[in-house]
Amino acid sequence: MNQHLPGVTEVIKNGTLVPLDQAISDTKFVAVYFSAHWCPPCRNFTPVLNDFYKKVTGKDKKVLEIIFVSSDKDEE
């Protein structure tokens, strides 16, 4: 996956910084979602995407992983 996300070596997963390869190991599909708090369509879509993620993954967390990329200017 590093070849598709150059420069990205680690991600935060469940509040912990982990290597990208570990975070998506054995995952069938990986999506990259760019969003920002200041973007009204993003604020509307993010909960829909979250519900979809929960339905699709259910007990099988290896079906889909979504990498969230924030376009916000600060961490808050």
C-alpha atoms as a PDB file:
ATOM      1  CA  MET A   1       0.000   0.000   0.000  1.00  0.00           C
ATOM      2  CA  ASN A   2       2.914   2.362   0.584  1.00  0.00           C
ATOM      3  CA  GLN A   3       3.397   2.545  -3.174  1.00  0.00           C
ATOM      4  CA  HIS A   4      -0.110   4.005  -3.476  1.00  0.00           C
ATOM      5  CA  LEU A   5       0.250   6.400  -0.543  1.00  0.00           C
ATOM      6  CA  PRO A   6       3.803   7.714  -0.926  1.00  0.00           C
ATOM      7  CA  GLY A   7       5.239   9.135   2.258  1.00  0.00           C
ATOM      8  CA  VAL A   8       2.598   7.536   4.490  1.00  0.00           C
ATOM      9  CA  THR A   9       4.227   5.006   6.766  1.00  0.00           C
ATOM     10  CA  GLU A  10       1.996   5.204   9.855  1.00  0.00           C
ATOM     11  CA  VAL A  11      -1.672   5.828  10.622  1.00  0.00           C
ATOM     12  CA  ILE A  12      -3.682   6.234  13.799  1.00  0.00           C
ATOM     13  CA  LYS A  13      -5.907   3.220  14.381  1.00  0.00           C
ATOM     14  CA  ASN A  14      -8.137   3.090  17.444  1.00  0.00           C
ATOM     15  CA  GLY A  15      -6.132   5.919  18.995  1.00  0.00           C
ATOM     16  CA  THR A  16      -2.751   4.237  18.494  1.00  0.00           C
ATOM     17  CA  LEU A  17      -0.058   5.058  15.945  1.00  0.00           C
ATOM     18  CA  VAL A  18       0.623   1.901  13.919  1.00  0.00           C
ATOM     19  CA  PRO A  19       2.529   1.088  10.727  1.00  0.00           C
ATOM     20  CA  LEU A  20       0.320   1.452   7.637  1.00  0.00           C
ATOM     21  CA  ASP A  21       1.028  -2.105   6.508  1.00  0.00           C
ATOM     22  CA  GLN A  22      -0.090  -3.438   9.893  1.00  0.00           C
ATOM     23  CA  ALA A  23      -3.260  -1.316   9.900  1.00  0.00           C
ATOM     24  CA  ILE A  24      -4.449  -2.718   6.587  1.00  0.00           C
ATOM     25  CA  SER A  25      -2.946  -6.205   6.670  1.00  0.00           C
ATOM     26  CA  ASP A  26      -5.294  -8.855   5.319  1.00  0.00           C
ATOM     27  CA  THR A  27      -7.914  -6.217   4.459  1.00  0.00           C
ATOM     28  CA  LYS A  28      -9.727  -6.992   1.224  1.00  0.00           C
ATOM     29  CA  PHE A  29     -10.601  -3.360   0.349  1.00  0.00           C
ATOM     30  CA  VAL A  30      -8.996  -0.085   1.419  1.00  0.00           C
ATOM     31  CA  ALA A  31     -10.681   3.291   0.882  1.00  0.00           C
ATOM     32  CA  VAL A  32      -9.092   6.696   1.384  1.00  0.00           C
ATOM     33  CA  TYR A  33     -11.591   9.340   2.502  1.00  0.00           C
ATOM     34  CA  PHE A  34     -10.666  13.025   2.395  1.00  0.00           C
ATOM     35  CA  SER A  35     -12.864  15.227   4.553  1.00  0.00           C
ATOM     36  CA  ALA A  36     -12.948  18.435   6.577  1.00  0.00           C
ATOM     37  CA  HIS A  37     -15.074  19.766   9.421  1.00  0.00           C
ATOM     38  CA  TRP A  38     -15.625  23.065   7.593  1.00  0.00           C
ATOM     39  CA  CYS A  39     -17.122  21.245   4.569  1.00  0.00           C
ATOM     40  CA  PRO A  40     -20.942  20.900   4.898  1.00  0.00           C
ATOM     41  CA  PRO A  41     -21.238  17.987   2.425  1.00  0.00           C
ATOM     42  CA  CYS A  42     -18.445  16.188   4.301  1.00  0.00           C
ATOM     43  CA  ARG A  43     -20.173  16.721   7.646  1.00  0.00           C
ATOM     44  CA  ASN A  44     -23.333  15.226   6.172  1.00  0.00           C
ATOM     45  CA  PHE A  45     -21.605  12.290   4.470  1.00  0.00           C
ATOM     46  CA  THR A  46     -19.235  11.178   7.247  1.00  0.00           C
ATOM     47  CA  PRO A  47     -22.006   9.712   9.483  1.00  0.00           C
ATOM     48  CA  VAL A  48     -23.465   7.910   6.452  1.00  0.00           C
ATOM     49  CA  LEU A  49     -20.045   6.457   5.653  1.00  0.00           C
ATOM     50  CA  ASN A  50     -19.619   5.420   9.287  1.00  0.00           C
ATOM     51  CA  ASP A  51     -22.953   3.562   9.247  1.00  0.00           C
ATOM     52  CA  PHE A  52     -21.974   1.872   5.964  1.00  0.00           C
ATOM     53  CA  TYR A  53     -18.602   0.836   7.437  1.00  0.00           C
ATOM     54  CA  LYS A  54     -20.283  -0.724  10.460  1.00  0.00           C
ATOM     55  CA  LYS A  55     -22.744  -2.652   8.256  1.00  0.00           C
ATOM     56  CA  VAL A  56     -20.108  -3.885   5.821  1.00  0.00           C
ATOM     57  CA  THR A  57     -17.535  -4.916   8.382  1.00  0.00           C
ATOM     58  CA  GLY A  58     -19.848  -6.313  11.053  1.00  0.00           C
ATOM     59  CA  LYS A  59     -17.882  -9.072  12.730  1.00  0.00           C
ATOM     60  CA  ASP A  60     -15.436  -9.356   9.821  1.00  0.00           C
ATOM     61  CA  LYS A  61     -13.111  -6.372  10.209  1.00  0.00           C
ATOM     62  CA  LYS A  62     -10.968  -7.627   7.321  1.00  0.00           C
ATOM     63  CA  VAL A  63     -13.473  -6.705   4.588  1.00  0.00           C
ATOM     64  CA  LEU A  64     -12.929  -2.951   4.486  1.00  0.00           C
ATOM     65  CA  GLU A  65     -10.637  -0.401   6.059  1.00  0.00           C
ATOM     66  CA  ILE A  66     -11.103   3.333   5.567  1.00  0.00           C
ATOM     67  CA  ILE A  67      -8.183   5.705   5.912  1.00  0.00           C
ATOM     68  CA  PHE A  68      -9.532   9.100   6.924  1.00  0.00           C
ATOM     69  CA  VAL A  69      -7.497  12.078   5.718  1.00  0.00           C
ATOM     70  CA  SER A  70      -8.440  15.354   7.351  1.00  0.00           C
ATOM     71  CA  SER A  71      -8.221  18.601   5.410  1.00  0.00           C
ATOM     72  CA  ASP A  72      -8.737  20.630   8.571  1.00  0.00           C
ATOM     73  CA  LYS A  73      -6.110  23.145   9.609  1.00  0.00           C
ATOM     74  CA  ASP A  74      -5.902  22.016  13.238  1.00  0.00           C
ATOM     75  CA  GLU A  75      -6.320  18.828  15.234  1.00  0.00           C
ATOM     76  CA  GLU A  76      -9.524  19.965  16.948  1.00  0.00           C
END
